Structure formats: structure tokens, C-alpha cells
PDB file of N, CA and C in Angstrom:
ATOM      1  N   MET A   1      12.024-102.108 157.459  1.00  0.00           N
ATOM      2  CA  MET A   1      12.825-102.212 156.478  1.00  0.00           C
ATOM      3  C   MET A   1      13.163-103.521 155.464  1.00  0.00           C
ATOM      4  N   LYS A   2      13.371-104.281 156.676  1.00  0.00           N
ATOM      5  CA  LYS A   2      13.676-105.624 155.319  1.00  0.00           C
ATOM      6  C   LYS A   2      12.394-106.008 154.688  1.00  0.00           C
ATOM      7  N   ARG A   3      11.487-105.668 155.606  1.00  0.00           N
ATOM      8  CA  ARG A   3       9.687-106.574 154.767  1.00  0.00           C
ATOM      9  C   ARG A   3       9.636-106.089 153.819  1.00  0.00           C
ATOM     10  N   PHE A   4       9.811-104.369 153.755  1.00  0.00           N
ATOM     11  CA  PHE A   4       9.664-103.312 152.546  1.00  0.00           C
ATOM     12  C   PHE A   4      10.764-104.137 151.580  1.00  0.00           C
ATOM     13  N   VAL A   5      11.813-104.137 151.783  1.00  0.00           N
ATOM     14  CA  VAL A   5      12.960-105.304 150.441  1.00  0.00           C
ATOM     15  C   VAL A   5      12.281-106.350 150.255  1.00  0.00           C
ATOM     16  N   ALA A   6      11.436-107.290 150.812  1.00  0.00           N
ATOM     17  CA  ALA A   6      10.839-108.324 150.151  1.00  0.00           C
ATOM     18  C   ALA A   6      10.244-108.405 149.341  1.00  0.00           C
ATOM     19  N   TYR A   7       8.729-107.182 149.782  1.00  0.00           N
ATOM     20  CA  TYR A   7       8.016-107.164 149.234  1.00  0.00           C
ATOM     21  C   TYR A   7       8.174-106.616 147.634  1.00  0.00           C
ATOM     22  N   LEU A   8       9.181-105.424 147.741  1.00  0.00           N
ATOM     23  CA  LEU A   8       9.598-104.791 146.415  1.00  0.00           C
ATOM     24  C   LEU A   8      10.369-105.828 145.884  1.00  0.00           C
ATOM     25  N   PHE A   9      10.587-106.643 146.233  1.00  0.00           N
ATOM     26  CA  PHE A   9      11.883-107.927 145.546  1.00  0.00           C
ATOM     27  C   PHE A   9      10.413-108.421 144.897  1.00  0.00           C
ATOM     28  N   SER A  10       9.715-109.562 145.542  1.00  0.00           N
ATOM     29  CA  SER A  10       8.324-110.051 145.159  1.00  0.00           C
ATOM     30  C   SER A  10       8.125-109.211 144.496  1.00  0.00           C
ATOM     31  N   LEU A  11       7.212-108.118 144.715  1.00  0.00           N
ATOM     32  CA  LEU A  11       7.048-107.606 143.426  1.00  0.00           C
ATOM     33  C   LEU A  11       7.405-107.452 142.149  1.00  0.00           C
ATOM     34  N   ILE A  12       8.466-107.343 142.085  1.00  0.00           N
ATOM     35  CA  ILE A  12       9.879-106.915 140.636  1.00  0.00           C
ATOM     36  C   ILE A  12       9.724-108.623 139.922  1.00  0.00           C
ATOM     37  N   CYS A  13       9.431-109.758 140.631  1.00  0.00           N
ATOM     38  CA  CYS A  13       9.981-110.646 140.063  1.00  0.00           C
ATOM     39  C   CYS A  13       8.444-111.507 139.721  1.00  0.00           C
ATOM     40  N   ILE A  14       7.265-110.819 140.658  1.00  0.00           N
ATOM     41  CA  ILE A  14       6.162-111.544 139.937  1.00  0.00           C
ATOM     42  C   ILE A  14       5.975-110.610 138.432  1.00  0.00           C
ATOM     43  N   LEU A  15       6.024-109.069 138.993  1.00  0.00           N
ATOM     44  CA  LEU A  15       5.678-108.631 136.935  1.00  0.00           C
ATOM     45  C   LEU A  15       7.158-109.056 136.420  1.00  0.00           C
ATOM     46  N   SER A  16       8.058-109.447 136.395  1.00  0.00           N
ATOM     47  CA  SER A  16       8.776-109.937 135.562  1.00  0.00           C
ATOM     48  C   SER A  16       8.524-111.132 135.330  1.00  0.00           C
ATOM     49  N   PHE A  17       7.794-112.216 135.609  1.00  0.00           N
ATOM     50  CA  PHE A  17       7.346-113.635 135.424  1.00  0.00           C
ATOM     51  C   PHE A  17       5.974-113.317 134.252  1.00  0.00           C
ATOM     52  N   TRP A  18       4.998-112.490 134.642  1.00  0.00           N
ATOM     53  CA  TRP A  18       4.050-111.899 134.545  1.00  0.00           C
ATOM     54  C   TRP A  18       4.277-111.391 132.884  1.00  0.00           C
ATOM     55  N   SER A  19       5.178-110.365 132.586  1.00  0.00           N
ATOM     56  CA  SER A  19       4.861-109.777 131.727  1.00  0.00           C
ATOM     57  C   SER A  19       5.440-110.808 130.285  1.00  0.00           C
ATOM     58  N   GLY A  20       6.356-112.035 131.304  1.00  0.00           N
ATOM     59  CA  GLY A  20       7.212-113.029 129.926  1.00  0.00           C
ATOM     60  C   GLY A  20       6.341-114.027 129.251  1.00  0.00           C
ATOM     61  N   SER A  21       4.691-114.208 129.762  1.00  0.00           N
ATOM     62  CA  SER A  21       3.441-114.876 129.558  1.00  0.00           C
ATOM     63  C   SER A  21       3.092-114.436 128.997  1.00  0.00           C
ATOM     64  N   ALA A  22       2.802-113.244 128.555  1.00  0.00           N
ATOM     65  CA  ALA A  22       1.870-112.942 127.155  1.00  0.00           C
ATOM     66  C   ALA A  22       2.181-113.340 125.985  1.00  0.00           C
ATOM     67  N   PRO A  23       1.564-113.976 124.975  1.00  0.00           N
ATOM     68  CA  PRO A  23       1.443-114.193 124.473  1.00  0.00           C
ATOM     69  C   PRO A  23       2.281-113.478 122.929  1.00  0.00           C
ATOM     70  N   CYS A  24       2.536-114.228 121.880  1.00  0.00           N
ATOM     71  CA  CYS A  24       3.449-114.251 120.754  1.00  0.00           C
ATOM     72  C   CYS A  24       3.457-113.678 120.128  1.00  0.00           C
ATOM     73  N   GLN A  25       2.965-112.452 119.275  1.00  0.00           N
ATOM     74  CA  GLN A  25       2.304-112.814 117.975  1.00  0.00           C
ATOM     75  C   GLN A  25       2.853-112.688 117.014  1.00  0.00           C
ATOM     76  N   GLU A  26       2.331-112.802 115.908  1.00  0.00           N
ATOM     77  CA  GLU A  26       3.342-113.292 115.025  1.00  0.00           C
ATOM     78  C   GLU A  26       3.796-112.236 114.114  1.00  0.00           C
ATOM     79  N   THR A  27       4.752-112.567 113.273  1.00  0.00           N
ATOM     80  CA  THR A  27       4.871-110.958 112.899  1.00  0.00           C
ATOM     81  C   THR A  27       4.628-110.921 111.595  1.00  0.00           C
ATOM     82  N   ALA A  28       4.359-110.425 110.672  1.00  0.00           N
ATOM     83  CA  ALA A  28       4.073-110.330 108.835  1.00  0.00           C
ATOM     84  C   ALA A  28       5.025-110.110 108.312  1.00  0.00           C
ATOM     85  N   GLY A  29       4.903-110.933 107.168  1.00  0.00           N
ATOM     86  CA  GLY A  29       5.911-111.332 106.870  1.00  0.00           C
ATOM     87  C   GLY A  29       5.442-112.658 105.814  1.00  0.00           C
ATOM     88  N   PRO A  30       6.719-113.317 104.790  1.00  0.00           N
ATOM     89  CA  PRO A  30       6.707-114.417 104.579  1.00  0.00           C
ATOM     90  C   PRO A  30       7.268-115.518 105.618  1.00  0.00           C
ATOM     91  N   LYS A  31       6.632-116.747 105.150  1.00  0.00           N
ATOM     92  CA  LYS A  31       6.916-117.654 106.132  1.00  0.00           C
ATOM     93  C   LYS A  31       6.413-119.098 105.298  1.00  0.00           C
ATOM     94  N   ILE A  32       8.264-119.379 105.773  1.00  0.00           N
ATOM     95  CA  ILE A  32       8.620-120.991 104.349  1.00  0.00           C
ATOM     96  C   ILE A  32       7.628-122.504 105.444  1.00  0.00           C
ATOM     97  N   MET A  33       6.910-123.083 104.877  1.00  0.00           N
ATOM     98  CA  MET A  33       6.680-124.109 104.886  1.00  0.00           C
ATOM     99  C   MET A  33       7.294-125.587 104.293  1.00  0.00           C
ATOM    100  N   MET A  34       7.404-126.568 105.113  1.00  0.00           N
ATOM    101  CA  MET A  34       8.296-127.821 103.730  1.00  0.00           C
ATOM    102  C   MET A  34       7.386-128.826 104.233  1.00  0.00           C
ATOM    103  N   GLU A  35       7.447-129.277 102.789  1.00  0.00           N
ATOM    104  CA  GLU A  35       7.250-131.302 103.581  1.00  0.00           C
ATOM    105  C   GLU A  35       7.765-131.724 104.066  1.00  0.00           C
ATOM    106  N   GLU A  36       8.882-132.057 103.760  1.00  0.00           N
ATOM    107  CA  GLU A  36      10.181-132.734 104.693  1.00  0.00           C
ATOM    108  C   GLU A  36      11.177-131.818 104.506  1.00  0.00           C
ATOM    109  N   GLN A  37      12.163-131.432 105.509  1.00  0.00           N
ATOM    110  CA  GLN A  37      13.322-131.172 105.161  1.00  0.00           C
ATOM    111  C   GLN A  37      14.812-131.609 105.478  1.00  0.00           C
ATOM    112  N   ILE A  38      14.935-133.029 105.209  1.00  0.00           N
ATOM    113  CA  ILE A  38      15.437-133.654 104.683  1.00  0.00           C
ATOM    114  C   ILE A  38      15.317-134.814 103.962  1.00  0.00           C
ATOM    115  N   PHE A  39      15.826-135.427 103.161  1.00  0.00           N
ATOM    116  CA  PHE A  39      15.813-136.448 102.520  1.00  0.00           C
ATOM    117  C   PHE A  39      17.273-137.411 102.337  1.00  0.00           C
ATOM    118  N   ASP A  40      17.320-138.853 102.647  1.00  0.00           N
ATOM    119  CA  ASP A  40      18.457-139.716 103.255  1.00  0.00           C
ATOM    120  C   ASP A  40      18.200-140.745 101.286  1.00  0.00           C
ATOM    121  N   PHE A  41      19.247-140.562 100.874  1.00  0.00           N
ATOM    122  CA  PHE A  41      19.479-141.473  99.565  1.00  0.00           C
ATOM    123  C   PHE A  41      19.776-142.662  99.710  1.00  0.00           C
ATOM    124  N   LYS A  42      19.960-143.407 100.696  1.00  0.00           N
ATOM    125  CA  LYS A  42      20.470-144.201 101.127  1.00  0.00           C
ATOM    126  C   LYS A  42      21.756-144.598 100.824  1.00  0.00           C
ATOM    127  N   GLU A  43      21.926-145.691 100.542  1.00  0.00           N
ATOM    128  CA  GLU A  43      23.233-146.482  99.321  1.00  0.00           C
ATOM    129  C   GLU A  43      23.388-145.978  98.361  1.00  0.00           C
ATOM    130  N   ILE A  44      24.099-145.668  97.699  1.00  0.00           N
ATOM    131  CA  ILE A  44      24.149-145.070  96.228  1.00  0.00           C
ATOM    132  C   ILE A  44      25.386-145.877  95.755  1.00  0.00           C
ATOM    133  N   LYS A  45      25.909-145.705  94.227  1.00  0.00           N
ATOM    134  CA  LYS A  45      26.490-145.950  93.884  1.00  0.00           C
ATOM    135  C   LYS A  45      27.505-145.055  93.200  1.00  0.00           C
ATOM    136  N   GLU A  46      28.913-144.828  93.334  1.00  0.00           N
ATOM    137  CA  GLU A  46      29.614-143.475  92.429  1.00  0.00           C
ATOM    138  C   GLU A  46      29.445-143.927  90.919  1.00  0.00           C
ATOM    139  N   GLY A  47      28.864-142.282  90.707  1.00  0.00           N
ATOM    140  CA  GLY A  47      28.729-142.481  89.252  1.00  0.00           C
ATOM    141  C   GLY A  47      27.075-141.962  89.091  1.00  0.00           C
ATOM    142  N   ASP A  48      26.561-142.685  90.149  1.00  0.00           N
ATOM    143  CA  ASP A  48      24.667-142.577  90.086  1.00  0.00           C
ATOM    144  C   ASP A  48      24.575-141.095  90.415  1.00  0.00           C
ATOM    145  N   VAL A  49      23.230-140.969  89.391  1.00  0.00           N
ATOM    146  CA  VAL A  49      22.916-139.755  89.211  1.00  0.00           C
ATOM    147  C   VAL A  49      21.235-139.566  89.742  1.00  0.00           C
ATOM    148  N   LEU A  50      21.489-138.542  91.137  1.00  0.00           N
ATOM    149  CA  LEU A  50      20.808-138.140  92.108  1.00  0.00           C
ATOM    150  C   LEU A  50      20.154-137.402  92.110  1.00  0.00           C
ATOM    151  N   GLU A  51      18.704-137.151  92.032  1.00  0.00           N
ATOM    152  CA  GLU A  51      17.736-136.369  91.860  1.00  0.00           C
ATOM    153  C   GLU A  51      16.317-136.137  93.224  1.00  0.00           C
ATOM    154  N   HIS A  52      16.105-135.432  93.802  1.00  0.00           N
ATOM    155  CA  HIS A  52      15.049-135.542  94.953  1.00  0.00           C
ATOM    156  C   HIS A  52      14.183-133.751  94.977  1.00  0.00           C
ATOM    157  N   SER A  53      12.899-133.851  94.658  1.00  0.00           N
ATOM    158  CA  SER A  53      12.430-132.120  95.306  1.00  0.00           C
ATOM    159  C   SER A  53      12.306-132.122  96.209  1.00  0.00           C
ATOM    160  N   PHE A  54      12.375-131.390  96.249  1.00  0.00           N
ATOM    161  CA  PHE A  54      11.574-130.266  98.205  1.00  0.00           C
ATOM    162  C   PHE A  54      10.276-129.669  97.492  1.00  0.00           C
ATOM    163  N   LYS A  55       9.331-130.501  98.162  1.00  0.00           N
ATOM    164  CA  LYS A  55       8.336-128.806  98.403  1.00  0.00           C
ATOM    165  C   LYS A  55       7.936-128.110  99.062  1.00  0.00           C
ATOM    166  N   LEU A  56       8.043-126.476  98.772  1.00  0.00           N
ATOM    167  CA  LEU A  56       8.019-125.532  99.705  1.00  0.00           C
ATOM    168  C   LEU A  56       6.705-124.833  99.130  1.00  0.00           C
ATOM    169  N   SER A  57       6.399-124.182 100.642  1.00  0.00           N
ATOM    170  CA  SER A  57       5.294-123.240  99.705  1.00  0.00           C
ATOM    171  C   SER A  57       5.122-121.888 101.174  1.00  0.00           C
ATOM    172  N   ASN A  58       4.571-120.850 100.823  1.00  0.00           N
ATOM    173  CA  ASN A  58       4.970-119.439 101.518  1.00  0.00           C
ATOM    174  C   ASN A  58       3.830-119.659 101.856  1.00  0.00           C
ATOM    175  N   LYS A  59       3.417-119.730 103.667  1.00  0.00           N
ATOM    176  CA  LYS A  59       2.186-119.163 104.922  1.00  0.00           C
ATOM    177  C   LYS A  59       2.250-118.373 104.846  1.00  0.00           C
ATOM    178  N   GLY A  60       2.700-117.095 104.777  1.00  0.00           N
ATOM    179  CA  GLY A  60       2.930-115.950 105.342  1.00  0.00           C
ATOM    180  C   GLY A  60       2.310-115.518 104.204  1.00  0.00           C
ATOM    181  N   ASN A  61       1.727-113.801 103.992  1.00  0.00           N
ATOM    182  CA  ASN A  61       1.384-112.928 104.199  1.00  0.00           C
ATOM    183  C   ASN A  61       2.028-111.890 103.349  1.00  0.00           C
ATOM    184  N   GLN A  62       3.221-112.119 102.725  1.00  0.00           N
ATOM    185  CA  GLN A  62       3.936-110.992 101.591  1.00  0.00           C
ATOM    186  C   GLN A  62       4.373-112.356 101.232  1.00  0.00           C
ATOM    187  N   THR A  63       5.546-111.858 100.073  1.00  0.00           N
ATOM    188  CA  THR A  63       5.877-112.888  98.834  1.00  0.00           C
ATOM    189  C   THR A  63       7.711-113.655  99.292  1.00  0.00           C
ATOM    190  N   LEU A  64       7.540-114.651  99.396  1.00  0.00           N
ATOM    191  CA  LEU A  64       8.797-115.228  99.748  1.00  0.00           C
ATOM    192  C   LEU A  64       9.821-115.027  98.737  1.00  0.00           C
ATOM    193  N   GLU A  65      11.230-114.596  98.925  1.00  0.00           N
ATOM    194  CA  GLU A  65      12.211-114.909  98.175  1.00  0.00           C
ATOM    195  C   GLU A  65      13.407-115.711  98.466  1.00  0.00           C
ATOM    196  N   ILE A  66      13.430-116.403  97.481  1.00  0.00           N
ATOM    197  CA  ILE A  66      14.535-117.465  97.714  1.00  0.00           C
ATOM    198  C   ILE A  66      15.775-117.620  97.112  1.00  0.00           C
ATOM    199  N   ILE A  67      16.655-116.653  97.892  1.00  0.00           N
ATOM    200  CA  ILE A  67      17.796-115.825  97.655  1.00  0.00           C
ATOM    201  C   ILE A  67      19.276-117.152  97.070  1.00  0.00           C
ATOM    202  N   SER A  68      19.355-117.815  97.816  1.00  0.00           N
ATOM    203  CA  SER A  68      20.111-119.278  97.872  1.00  0.00           C
ATOM    204  C   SER A  68      20.146-120.386  98.006  1.00  0.00           C
ATOM    205  N   VAL A  69      20.211-121.847  97.645  1.00  0.00           N
ATOM    206  CA  VAL A  69      20.016-122.587  98.406  1.00  0.00           C
ATOM    207  C   VAL A  69      21.680-123.556  98.350  1.00  0.00           C
ATOM    208  N   ARG A  70      21.656-124.389  99.743  1.00  0.00           N
ATOM    209  CA  ARG A  70      22.917-125.153  99.541  1.00  0.00           C
ATOM    210  C   ARG A  70      22.761-126.430 100.132  1.00  0.00           C
ATOM    211  N   PRO A  71      23.588-127.377  99.654  1.00  0.00           N
ATOM    212  CA  PRO A  71      23.060-128.786 100.244  1.00  0.00           C
ATOM    213  C   PRO A  71      23.985-128.747 101.848  1.00  0.00           C
ATOM    214  N   GLY A  72      22.890-129.864 102.678  1.00  0.00           N
ATOM    215  CA  GLY A  72      23.752-129.635 104.113  1.00  0.00           C
ATOM    216  C   GLY A  72      25.203-130.465 103.941  1.00  0.00           C
TER     217      GLY A  72
END
């Protein structure tokens, strides 16, 4: 009986590891890509006007809709 339980436990462990090793498929939909995610203005003086553009592209297979943007 102990041997049967040990075999059963081993089989369950092997199957659980094997099922998790399958490659993931990419989901369909939009996929945003950014050239840079962070930009540091370094030291600035109070009252200076700052501007920086982030370049975004859609590498997915559906329309990318940007609903809101917030500074970090």
C-alpha cells in the first residue's frame, strides 16, 4: 500500500510539472511597445517649462486604444 501511494504521488508530481512546462501562446489583441519607459529631466529650475515625447507603437493585431495617461 505504501508503494502504491508513493507511485501515485510521484505520478501526480510529474504530471503537474509537465503540464506547467508547455509554452504559453500569445493572446490576440493590442500590444503596446515603448522605446523608453522612464525619462529623467535631471536638475531643473523652478518655473522651467519641460517637454518630452515618448514614442509608442502597437505590435499587436488589434487596435490599441489609450484611454488615459498619468505622470509617474
